[in-house]
Amino acid sequence: MKELAIHTIHRRLAEAAYMHMNHTTGRIKVENIPIRLLELLLQQNYMLIRQYDELHELSMVAYTAGDMDWLHNICEAIEFLKDETLTKKGE
């Protein structure tokens, strides 16, 4: 079984949700989460996804062009982005 990896931004969003959850009903009281925290985490999430999507699209261009050196460099950048930002389950 592959080990689950969670981005630190997603972990922080989960922590904010847990801290503002009614543990009886399971409802997250979003209105109680500081708006600046939500804005920061959503902005960070947006930037992460944008970087990943841009690299993924470039990898398709490099593959279509047959430029394996460029493709290899892009794949290394994707792996670096994943390694730099992910924390393993339980950490």
C-alpha atoms as a PDB file:
ATOM      1  CA  MET A   1       0.000   0.000   0.000  1.00  0.00           C
ATOM      2  CA  LYS A   2       1.313   3.411  -0.956  1.00  0.00           C
ATOM      3  CA  GLU A   3       1.869   5.767   1.974  1.00  0.00           C
ATOM      4  CA  LEU A   4      -0.329   8.850   1.994  1.00  0.00           C
ATOM      5  CA  ALA A   5       1.465  12.182   1.748  1.00  0.00           C
ATOM      6  CA  ILE A   6      -0.282  15.392   2.730  1.00  0.00           C
ATOM      7  CA  HIS A   7       0.795  18.885   1.831  1.00  0.00           C
ATOM      8  CA  THR A   8       1.428  21.156   4.809  1.00  0.00           C
ATOM      9  CA  ILE A   9      -1.158  23.650   3.525  1.00  0.00           C
ATOM     10  CA  HIS A  10      -3.830  20.960   3.507  1.00  0.00           C
ATOM     11  CA  ARG A  11      -2.797  19.853   6.984  1.00  0.00           C
ATOM     12  CA  ARG A  12      -3.138  23.457   8.231  1.00  0.00           C
ATOM     13  CA  LEU A  13      -6.589  23.737   6.628  1.00  0.00           C
ATOM     14  CA  ALA A  14      -7.606  20.508   8.364  1.00  0.00           C
ATOM     15  CA  GLU A  15      -6.303  21.827  11.692  1.00  0.00           C
ATOM     16  CA  ALA A  16      -8.295  25.057  11.289  1.00  0.00           C
ATOM     17  CA  ALA A  17     -11.407  23.041  10.454  1.00  0.00           C
ATOM     18  CA  TYR A  18     -10.918  20.753  13.455  1.00  0.00           C
ATOM     19  CA  MET A  19     -10.410  23.677  15.837  1.00  0.00           C
ATOM     20  CA  HIS A  20     -13.689  25.244  14.670  1.00  0.00           C
ATOM     21  CA  MET A  21     -15.773  22.091  14.418  1.00  0.00           C
ATOM     22  CA  ASN A  22     -18.800  21.211  16.493  1.00  0.00           C
ATOM     23  CA  HIS A  23     -17.669  17.723  17.476  1.00  0.00           C
ATOM     24  CA  THR A  24     -21.228  16.646  18.229  1.00  0.00           C
ATOM     25  CA  THR A  25     -22.679  17.486  14.817  1.00  0.00           C
ATOM     26  CA  GLY A  26     -19.458  17.440  12.786  1.00  0.00           C
ATOM     27  CA  ARG A  27     -20.322  20.873  11.361  1.00  0.00           C
ATOM     28  CA  ILE A  28     -17.381  23.189  10.750  1.00  0.00           C
ATOM     29  CA  LYS A  29     -18.168  26.717  11.912  1.00  0.00           C
ATOM     30  CA  VAL A  30     -16.425  28.418   8.997  1.00  0.00           C
ATOM     31  CA  GLU A  31     -17.627  31.823  10.158  1.00  0.00           C
ATOM     32  CA  ASN A  32     -15.427  31.434  13.259  1.00  0.00           C
ATOM     33  CA  ILE A  33     -12.207  30.763  11.339  1.00  0.00           C
ATOM     34  CA  PRO A  34     -10.179  33.980  11.038  1.00  0.00           C
ATOM     35  CA  ILE A  35     -10.612  35.282   7.492  1.00  0.00           C
ATOM     36  CA  ARG A  36      -6.921  36.199   7.238  1.00  0.00           C
ATOM     37  CA  LEU A  37      -5.970  32.570   7.980  1.00  0.00           C
ATOM     38  CA  LEU A  38      -8.370  31.237   5.356  1.00  0.00           C
ATOM     39  CA  GLU A  39      -7.182  33.796   2.824  1.00  0.00           C
ATOM     40  CA  LEU A  40      -3.525  32.914   3.448  1.00  0.00           C
ATOM     41  CA  LEU A  41      -4.088  29.161   3.188  1.00  0.00           C
ATOM     42  CA  LEU A  42      -6.254  29.467   0.089  1.00  0.00           C
ATOM     43  CA  GLN A  43      -3.645  31.699  -1.576  1.00  0.00           C
ATOM     44  CA  GLN A  44      -0.867  29.217  -0.750  1.00  0.00           C
ATOM     45  CA  ASN A  45      -2.986  26.351  -2.072  1.00  0.00           C
ATOM     46  CA  TYR A  46      -3.686  28.278  -5.277  1.00  0.00           C
ATOM     47  CA  MET A  47       0.029  28.943  -5.861  1.00  0.00           C
ATOM     48  CA  LEU A  48       0.946  25.296  -5.248  1.00  0.00           C
ATOM     49  CA  ILE A  49      -1.688  23.997  -7.657  1.00  0.00           C
ATOM     50  CA  ARG A  50      -0.793  26.635 -10.253  1.00  0.00           C
ATOM     51  CA  GLN A  51       2.911  25.681 -10.145  1.00  0.00           C
ATOM     52  CA  TYR A  52       2.103  21.990 -10.410  1.00  0.00           C
ATOM     53  CA  ASP A  53      -0.354  22.507 -13.288  1.00  0.00           C
ATOM     54  CA  GLU A  54       2.092  24.726 -15.195  1.00  0.00           C
ATOM     55  CA  LEU A  55       4.848  22.129 -14.881  1.00  0.00           C
ATOM     56  CA  HIS A  56       2.477  19.342 -15.900  1.00  0.00           C
ATOM     57  CA  GLU A  57       1.387  21.278 -19.011  1.00  0.00           C
ATOM     58  CA  LEU A  58       5.031  22.003 -19.887  1.00  0.00           C
ATOM     59  CA  SER A  59       5.832  18.308 -19.553  1.00  0.00           C
ATOM     60  CA  MET A  60       3.184  17.545 -22.179  1.00  0.00           C
ATOM     61  CA  VAL A  61       4.714  20.158 -24.508  1.00  0.00           C
ATOM     62  CA  ALA A  62       8.204  18.723 -23.991  1.00  0.00           C
ATOM     63  CA  TYR A  63       6.935  15.176 -24.597  1.00  0.00           C
ATOM     64  CA  THR A  64       5.092  16.217 -27.762  1.00  0.00           C
ATOM     65  CA  ALA A  65       8.207  18.042 -28.985  1.00  0.00           C
ATOM     66  CA  GLY A  66      10.293  14.946 -28.296  1.00  0.00           C
ATOM     67  CA  ASP A  67      12.706  16.897 -26.097  1.00  0.00           C
ATOM     68  CA  MET A  68      13.569  14.281 -23.497  1.00  0.00           C
ATOM     69  CA  ASP A  69      16.181  16.448 -21.747  1.00  0.00           C
ATOM     70  CA  TRP A  70      13.613  19.197 -21.223  1.00  0.00           C
ATOM     71  CA  LEU A  71      11.026  16.621 -20.136  1.00  0.00           C
ATOM     72  CA  HIS A  72      13.498  15.164 -17.640  1.00  0.00           C
ATOM     73  CA  ASN A  73      14.206  18.637 -16.212  1.00  0.00           C
ATOM     74  CA  ILE A  74      10.491  19.375 -15.866  1.00  0.00           C
ATOM     75  CA  CYS A  75       9.875  16.033 -14.158  1.00  0.00           C
ATOM     76  CA  GLU A  76      12.715  16.804 -11.737  1.00  0.00           C
ATOM     77  CA  ALA A  77      11.077  20.167 -10.975  1.00  0.00           C
ATOM     78  CA  ILE A  78       7.749  18.416 -10.307  1.00  0.00           C
ATOM     79  CA  GLU A  79       9.443  15.933  -7.969  1.00  0.00           C
ATOM     80  CA  PHE A  80      11.284  18.767  -6.213  1.00  0.00           C
ATOM     81  CA  LEU A  81       7.970  20.584  -5.711  1.00  0.00           C
ATOM     82  CA  LYS A  82       6.423  17.428  -4.267  1.00  0.00           C
ATOM     83  CA  ASP A  83       9.412  16.621  -2.026  1.00  0.00           C
ATOM     84  CA  GLU A  84       9.738  20.209  -0.819  1.00  0.00           C
ATOM     85  CA  THR A  85       6.128  20.576   0.190  1.00  0.00           C
ATOM     86  CA  LEU A  86       4.880  17.202   1.336  1.00  0.00           C
ATOM     87  CA  THR A  87       4.970  15.728   4.799  1.00  0.00           C
ATOM     88  CA  LYS A  88       4.499  12.040   5.330  1.00  0.00           C
ATOM     89  CA  LYS A  89       1.526  10.712   7.250  1.00  0.00           C
ATOM     90  CA  GLY A  90       2.216  10.814  10.964  1.00  0.00           C
ATOM     91  CA  GLU A  91       4.848  13.549  10.870  1.00  0.00           C
END
